[in-house]
């Protein structure tokens, strides 16, 4: 299988193709369209596969959990609603990080809503942390000095979050040091 995100007219899609034949196996559509004169149109992120699920983040901030075999929608969340934030100028573009039963995404919301973690099985918000503006990077997991952490390049900083609570461990503004 090969999965991608596409813009098809007024619909943003997650599509699944047979890798050998290129035959479309399934497609999930949301009635959303991102377009920007400079950036073009369509989703920016890559779907993340974990077990029998696919997690995708659309350019307008729709986070979906889909069944890998059928494309059936399992749950959906809106980052702009969850984090009380706006769509970034060039759309949301960070791919979801899935680890320890959580789906972690960068929303860029203020007041502790910069990085969000949802329970992979239900879509329930598990934690939120940080107050930095959204960047265009995907969160990633690392162990630095023996400490597991989630790193994210934000609008004007690099931040580290505790993967269990979302608390900011440290943050370095760009141009510092």
Foldseek 3Di string as FASTA:
>chain_A
DDWFWWDDPQWIKIWDADPPPRHTQEIDIDRHKDADPVQGIWAAEGWDDDDQWIWFAGQFAKIFIAGNNYRHTQDIDGLCVVQVDGRPPNGAHAYWDDDPQWTKFASQHAPQAGIWIARNNHRHTQEGGDGGGADRYYWDWDQDPNAIWIWHDGPFWIWTARPRHRYTPDIDGPPDD
